[in-house]
Amino acid sequence: MLPGLQLQFRVLSQGTALLPALTALDLEFLPDRWALNTPGAIASGVIYTLLSSIHDFAADWKQRFPQSEIALTGGVCRGVILGSPAAIPHPGNLHPLGSNPDLSGDSCL
């Protein structure tokens, strides 16, 4: 398990003096990796660390279980990312939850 975007943004704003509150819903695009302002640096640090973690876990899974798929759940919208480890976290792998009856709840990356 990894803490998601919303939790990481909330913890930074509530647990650190003077940092602004951000939410995942405020972001329309990936932020610049090397931000030049505080909100951009928060978004960059949280998002790129999370993406790197997912990439690392998916690469290890692919090595250990090359024939299986991965499902990522949790988050701020309805959907689930399904696919081979090589394809994650590609946005084209986001499917509505209704397309897979074995998964339920709110989920997306």
N, C-alpha and C. Protein backbone atom coordinates (compact mmCIF):
# COMPACT_ATOMS: atom_id res chain seq x y z
N MET A 1 0.83 -1.19 0.00
CA MET A 1 0.00 0.00 0.00
C MET A 1 0.87 1.24 0.00
N LEU A 2 0.40 2.23 -0.72
CA LEU A 2 1.06 3.52 -0.75
C LEU A 2 0.04 4.61 -0.45
N PRO A 3 0.44 5.66 0.26
CA PRO A 3 -0.50 6.78 0.45
C PRO A 3 -0.73 7.46 -0.89
N GLY A 4 -1.98 7.78 -1.18
CA GLY A 4 -2.33 8.39 -2.46
C GLY A 4 -2.08 9.88 -2.50
N LEU A 5 -2.42 10.47 -3.63
CA LEU A 5 -2.19 11.90 -3.85
C LEU A 5 -2.89 12.75 -2.80
N GLN A 6 -4.20 12.49 -2.60
CA GLN A 6 -4.97 13.32 -1.66
C GLN A 6 -4.36 13.28 -0.27
N LEU A 7 -4.03 12.09 0.22
CA LEU A 7 -3.47 11.95 1.55
C LEU A 7 -2.13 12.67 1.65
N GLN A 8 -1.28 12.51 0.68
CA GLN A 8 0.02 13.16 0.72
C GLN A 8 -0.11 14.68 0.70
N PHE A 9 -0.99 15.21 -0.16
CA PHE A 9 -1.19 16.66 -0.19
C PHE A 9 -1.73 17.16 1.15
N ARG A 10 -2.70 16.44 1.71
CA ARG A 10 -3.32 16.87 2.98
C ARG A 10 -2.29 16.84 4.11
N VAL A 11 -1.50 15.79 4.19
CA VAL A 11 -0.50 15.68 5.26
C VAL A 11 0.52 16.81 5.17
N LEU A 12 0.97 17.12 3.97
CA LEU A 12 1.94 18.21 3.83
C LEU A 12 1.37 19.55 4.27
N SER A 13 0.12 19.84 3.89
CA SER A 13 -0.45 21.15 4.25
C SER A 13 -0.83 21.22 5.72
N GLN A 14 -1.27 20.12 6.30
CA GLN A 14 -1.70 20.13 7.70
C GLN A 14 -0.56 19.91 8.67
N GLY A 15 0.49 19.24 8.25
CA GLY A 15 1.56 18.89 9.16
C GLY A 15 2.84 19.70 9.02
N THR A 16 2.84 20.62 8.08
CA THR A 16 4.04 21.44 7.85
C THR A 16 3.64 22.91 7.83
N ALA A 17 4.33 23.72 8.58
CA ALA A 17 3.98 25.13 8.70
C ALA A 17 4.09 25.85 7.36
N LEU A 18 3.07 26.61 7.04
CA LEU A 18 3.03 27.56 5.94
C LEU A 18 2.98 26.97 4.53
N LEU A 19 2.81 25.66 4.39
CA LEU A 19 2.66 25.11 3.04
C LEU A 19 1.20 25.21 2.63
N PRO A 20 0.94 25.59 1.38
CA PRO A 20 -0.44 25.72 0.91
C PRO A 20 -1.10 24.35 0.75
N ALA A 21 -2.42 24.35 0.84
CA ALA A 21 -3.20 23.13 0.64
C ALA A 21 -3.42 22.92 -0.85
N LEU A 22 -3.07 21.74 -1.34
CA LEU A 22 -3.33 21.35 -2.73
C LEU A 22 -4.21 20.11 -2.71
N THR A 23 -4.94 19.88 -3.79
CA THR A 23 -5.66 18.62 -3.94
C THR A 23 -5.36 18.05 -5.32
N ALA A 24 -5.52 16.76 -5.45
CA ALA A 24 -5.30 16.11 -6.74
C ALA A 24 -6.28 16.63 -7.78
N LEU A 25 -7.45 17.04 -7.35
CA LEU A 25 -8.46 17.54 -8.28
C LEU A 25 -8.09 18.90 -8.87
N ASP A 26 -7.16 19.62 -8.25
CA ASP A 26 -6.71 20.91 -8.76
C ASP A 26 -5.78 20.77 -9.95
N LEU A 27 -5.23 19.60 -10.17
CA LEU A 27 -4.22 19.39 -11.20
C LEU A 27 -4.86 18.91 -12.50
N GLU A 28 -4.59 19.63 -13.59
CA GLU A 28 -5.09 19.21 -14.89
C GLU A 28 -4.01 18.48 -15.68
N PHE A 29 -2.75 18.79 -15.42
CA PHE A 29 -1.63 18.21 -16.14
C PHE A 29 -0.55 17.85 -15.14
N LEU A 30 0.38 17.01 -15.57
CA LEU A 30 1.54 16.74 -14.73
C LEU A 30 2.31 18.03 -14.51
N PRO A 31 2.77 18.28 -13.31
CA PRO A 31 3.54 19.51 -13.06
C PRO A 31 4.95 19.38 -13.63
N ASP A 32 5.62 20.50 -13.78
CA ASP A 32 7.04 20.46 -14.16
C ASP A 32 7.78 19.70 -13.07
N ARG A 33 8.69 18.86 -13.49
CA ARG A 33 9.44 18.08 -12.50
C ARG A 33 10.29 18.99 -11.62
N TRP A 34 10.90 20.00 -12.19
CA TRP A 34 11.77 20.91 -11.44
C TRP A 34 11.03 22.24 -11.28
N ALA A 35 10.13 22.27 -10.32
CA ALA A 35 9.27 23.44 -10.09
C ALA A 35 10.06 24.62 -9.56
N LEU A 36 9.52 25.81 -9.84
CA LEU A 36 10.16 27.06 -9.39
C LEU A 36 9.34 27.79 -8.34
N ASN A 37 8.28 27.15 -7.84
CA ASN A 37 7.48 27.77 -6.79
C ASN A 37 7.00 26.66 -5.83
N THR A 38 6.52 27.07 -4.67
CA THR A 38 6.16 26.10 -3.64
C THR A 38 5.02 25.17 -4.05
N PRO A 39 3.90 25.67 -4.57
CA PRO A 39 2.83 24.74 -4.98
C PRO A 39 3.31 23.75 -6.05
N GLY A 40 4.08 24.25 -7.00
CA GLY A 40 4.60 23.37 -8.04
C GLY A 40 5.57 22.34 -7.50
N ALA A 41 6.38 22.73 -6.52
CA ALA A 41 7.32 21.80 -5.91
C ALA A 41 6.60 20.72 -5.11
N ILE A 42 5.52 21.10 -4.43
CA ILE A 42 4.73 20.12 -3.69
C ILE A 42 4.13 19.12 -4.67
N ALA A 43 3.47 19.63 -5.70
CA ALA A 43 2.84 18.76 -6.70
C ALA A 43 3.86 17.85 -7.36
N SER A 44 4.99 18.41 -7.75
CA SER A 44 6.04 17.62 -8.39
C SER A 44 6.57 16.53 -7.48
N GLY A 45 6.89 16.88 -6.26
CA GLY A 45 7.43 15.91 -5.33
C GLY A 45 6.48 14.77 -5.06
N VAL A 46 5.22 15.09 -4.83
CA VAL A 46 4.23 14.06 -4.52
C VAL A 46 3.96 13.19 -5.75
N ILE A 47 3.68 13.80 -6.87
CA ILE A 47 3.29 13.04 -8.06
C ILE A 47 4.43 12.20 -8.61
N TYR A 48 5.60 12.80 -8.79
CA TYR A 48 6.69 12.03 -9.39
C TYR A 48 7.25 10.97 -8.45
N THR A 49 7.16 11.18 -7.15
CA THR A 49 7.55 10.12 -6.21
C THR A 49 6.56 8.97 -6.28
N LEU A 50 5.27 9.27 -6.35
CA LEU A 50 4.25 8.23 -6.46
C LEU A 50 4.40 7.46 -7.77
N LEU A 51 4.57 8.17 -8.89
CA LEU A 51 4.75 7.50 -10.17
C LEU A 51 6.00 6.62 -10.19
N SER A 52 7.09 7.12 -9.60
CA SER A 52 8.31 6.31 -9.52
C SER A 52 8.11 5.06 -8.69
N SER A 53 7.37 5.18 -7.61
CA SER A 53 7.08 4.02 -6.77
C SER A 53 6.26 2.99 -7.52
N ILE A 54 5.23 3.45 -8.22
CA ILE A 54 4.39 2.53 -8.99
C ILE A 54 5.22 1.85 -10.07
N HIS A 55 6.04 2.62 -10.76
CA HIS A 55 6.89 2.06 -11.81
C HIS A 55 7.82 0.99 -11.23
N ASP A 56 8.43 1.26 -10.09
CA ASP A 56 9.35 0.32 -9.47
C ASP A 56 8.62 -0.96 -9.05
N PHE A 57 7.46 -0.83 -8.41
CA PHE A 57 6.69 -2.00 -8.01
C PHE A 57 6.26 -2.81 -9.24
N ALA A 58 5.80 -2.13 -10.30
CA ALA A 58 5.36 -2.82 -11.51
C ALA A 58 6.51 -3.56 -12.18
N ALA A 59 7.69 -2.96 -12.21
CA ALA A 59 8.85 -3.61 -12.82
C ALA A 59 9.23 -4.87 -12.04
N ASP A 60 9.20 -4.78 -10.73
CA ASP A 60 9.53 -5.95 -9.92
C ASP A 60 8.47 -7.04 -10.10
N TRP A 61 7.19 -6.66 -10.14
CA TRP A 61 6.11 -7.62 -10.35
C TRP A 61 6.29 -8.32 -11.70
N LYS A 62 6.61 -7.54 -12.74
CA LYS A 62 6.80 -8.12 -14.09
C LYS A 62 7.91 -9.16 -14.07
N GLN A 63 8.96 -8.88 -13.35
CA GLN A 63 10.07 -9.82 -13.27
C GLN A 63 9.66 -11.10 -12.54
N ARG A 64 8.91 -10.96 -11.47
CA ARG A 64 8.53 -12.12 -10.66
C ARG A 64 7.35 -12.90 -11.23
N PHE A 65 6.39 -12.18 -11.84
CA PHE A 65 5.16 -12.81 -12.34
C PHE A 65 4.87 -12.30 -13.76
N PRO A 66 5.67 -12.70 -14.75
CA PRO A 66 5.58 -12.10 -16.08
C PRO A 66 4.25 -12.32 -16.81
N GLN A 67 3.48 -13.32 -16.46
CA GLN A 67 2.23 -13.60 -17.17
C GLN A 67 1.01 -12.96 -16.52
N SER A 68 1.16 -12.32 -15.37
CA SER A 68 0.00 -11.78 -14.66
C SER A 68 -0.22 -10.30 -14.98
N GLU A 69 -1.38 -9.81 -14.58
CA GLU A 69 -1.72 -8.40 -14.72
C GLU A 69 -1.70 -7.74 -13.35
N ILE A 70 -1.77 -6.40 -13.36
CA ILE A 70 -1.79 -5.62 -12.13
C ILE A 70 -3.05 -4.77 -12.12
N ALA A 71 -3.66 -4.63 -10.96
CA ALA A 71 -4.80 -3.73 -10.77
C ALA A 71 -4.41 -2.72 -9.71
N LEU A 72 -4.53 -1.43 -10.04
CA LEU A 72 -4.27 -0.36 -9.09
C LEU A 72 -5.61 0.25 -8.71
N THR A 73 -5.88 0.37 -7.41
CA THR A 73 -7.15 0.93 -6.96
C THR A 73 -6.89 2.01 -5.92
N GLY A 74 -7.93 2.75 -5.62
CA GLY A 74 -7.85 3.83 -4.65
C GLY A 74 -7.80 5.16 -5.37
N GLY A 75 -8.02 6.21 -4.68
CA GLY A 75 -7.87 7.50 -5.31
C GLY A 75 -9.12 8.35 -5.36
N VAL A 76 -9.13 9.30 -6.28
CA VAL A 76 -10.12 10.36 -6.29
C VAL A 76 -11.16 10.26 -7.39
N CYS A 77 -11.14 9.21 -8.22
CA CYS A 77 -12.16 9.08 -9.26
C CYS A 77 -12.54 7.62 -9.43
N ARG A 78 -13.61 7.39 -10.15
CA ARG A 78 -14.07 6.01 -10.35
C ARG A 78 -13.38 5.42 -11.57
N GLY A 79 -12.78 4.28 -11.40
CA GLY A 79 -12.09 3.57 -12.47
C GLY A 79 -11.04 2.69 -11.85
N VAL A 80 -10.46 1.87 -12.67
CA VAL A 80 -9.38 1.02 -12.19
C VAL A 80 -8.37 0.86 -13.32
N ILE A 81 -7.12 0.84 -12.99
CA ILE A 81 -6.08 0.63 -13.99
C ILE A 81 -5.76 -0.85 -14.02
N LEU A 82 -5.96 -1.44 -15.18
CA LEU A 82 -5.68 -2.85 -15.35
C LEU A 82 -4.72 -3.01 -16.51
N GLY A 83 -3.83 -3.96 -16.42
CA GLY A 83 -2.97 -4.22 -17.56
C GLY A 83 -1.72 -4.95 -17.17
N SER A 84 -0.93 -5.20 -18.17
CA SER A 84 0.35 -5.84 -17.91
C SER A 84 1.25 -4.84 -17.20
N PRO A 85 2.19 -5.30 -16.41
CA PRO A 85 3.08 -4.38 -15.71
C PRO A 85 3.81 -3.40 -16.63
N ALA A 86 4.08 -3.81 -17.86
CA ALA A 86 4.78 -2.93 -18.79
C ALA A 86 3.94 -1.71 -19.16
N ALA A 87 2.61 -1.83 -19.08
CA ALA A 87 1.72 -0.76 -19.52
C ALA A 87 1.36 0.22 -18.42
N ILE A 88 1.62 -0.11 -17.19
CA ILE A 88 1.21 0.74 -16.07
C ILE A 88 2.31 1.74 -15.77
N PRO A 89 2.07 3.02 -15.51
CA PRO A 89 0.77 3.66 -15.34
C PRO A 89 0.29 4.42 -16.57
N HIS A 90 0.18 3.80 -17.71
CA HIS A 90 -0.30 4.44 -18.92
C HIS A 90 -1.77 4.83 -18.78
N PRO A 91 -2.13 6.11 -19.07
CA PRO A 91 -3.52 6.55 -18.89
C PRO A 91 -4.52 5.76 -19.72
N GLY A 92 -4.11 5.15 -20.82
CA GLY A 92 -5.01 4.37 -21.64
C GLY A 92 -5.50 3.11 -20.96
N ASN A 93 -4.93 2.77 -19.83
CA ASN A 93 -5.35 1.57 -19.11
C ASN A 93 -6.37 1.87 -18.02
N LEU A 94 -6.94 3.06 -18.01
CA LEU A 94 -7.97 3.41 -17.03
C LEU A 94 -9.32 2.95 -17.55
N HIS A 95 -10.00 2.08 -16.82
CA HIS A 95 -11.28 1.52 -17.22
C HIS A 95 -12.31 1.81 -16.14
N PRO A 96 -13.57 2.05 -16.52
CA PRO A 96 -14.61 2.20 -15.51
C PRO A 96 -14.73 0.93 -14.68
N LEU A 97 -15.07 1.09 -13.42
CA LEU A 97 -15.20 -0.08 -12.56
C LEU A 97 -16.24 -1.06 -13.07
N GLY A 98 -17.26 -0.57 -13.72
CA GLY A 98 -18.31 -1.45 -14.22
C GLY A 98 -17.81 -2.48 -15.22
N SER A 99 -16.65 -2.25 -15.83
CA SER A 99 -16.15 -3.18 -16.82
C SER A 99 -15.49 -4.40 -16.18
N ASN A 100 -15.29 -4.37 -14.87
CA ASN A 100 -14.69 -5.52 -14.18
C ASN A 100 -15.49 -5.77 -12.91
N PRO A 101 -16.38 -6.74 -12.90
CA PRO A 101 -17.25 -6.96 -11.75
C PRO A 101 -16.53 -7.44 -10.49
N ASP A 102 -15.27 -7.83 -10.59
CA ASP A 102 -14.54 -8.31 -9.43
C ASP A 102 -13.97 -7.17 -8.59
N LEU A 103 -14.02 -5.95 -9.08
CA LEU A 103 -13.46 -4.81 -8.36
C LEU A 103 -14.56 -3.82 -8.08
N SER A 104 -14.52 -3.18 -6.91
CA SER A 104 -15.54 -2.19 -6.59
C SER A 104 -14.94 -1.08 -5.76
N GLY A 105 -15.65 0.04 -5.68
CA GLY A 105 -15.19 1.18 -4.90
C GLY A 105 -14.66 2.27 -5.79
N ASP A 106 -14.23 3.35 -5.19
CA ASP A 106 -13.66 4.46 -5.94
C ASP A 106 -12.20 4.14 -6.23
N SER A 107 -11.80 4.35 -7.46
CA SER A 107 -10.41 4.06 -7.76
C SER A 107 -9.95 4.74 -9.03
N CYS A 108 -8.70 5.09 -9.05
CA CYS A 108 -7.96 5.57 -10.20
C CYS A 108 -6.61 6.02 -9.73
N LEU A 109 -5.79 6.37 -10.62
CA LEU A 109 -4.47 6.86 -10.26
C LEU A 109 -4.52 8.36 -10.30
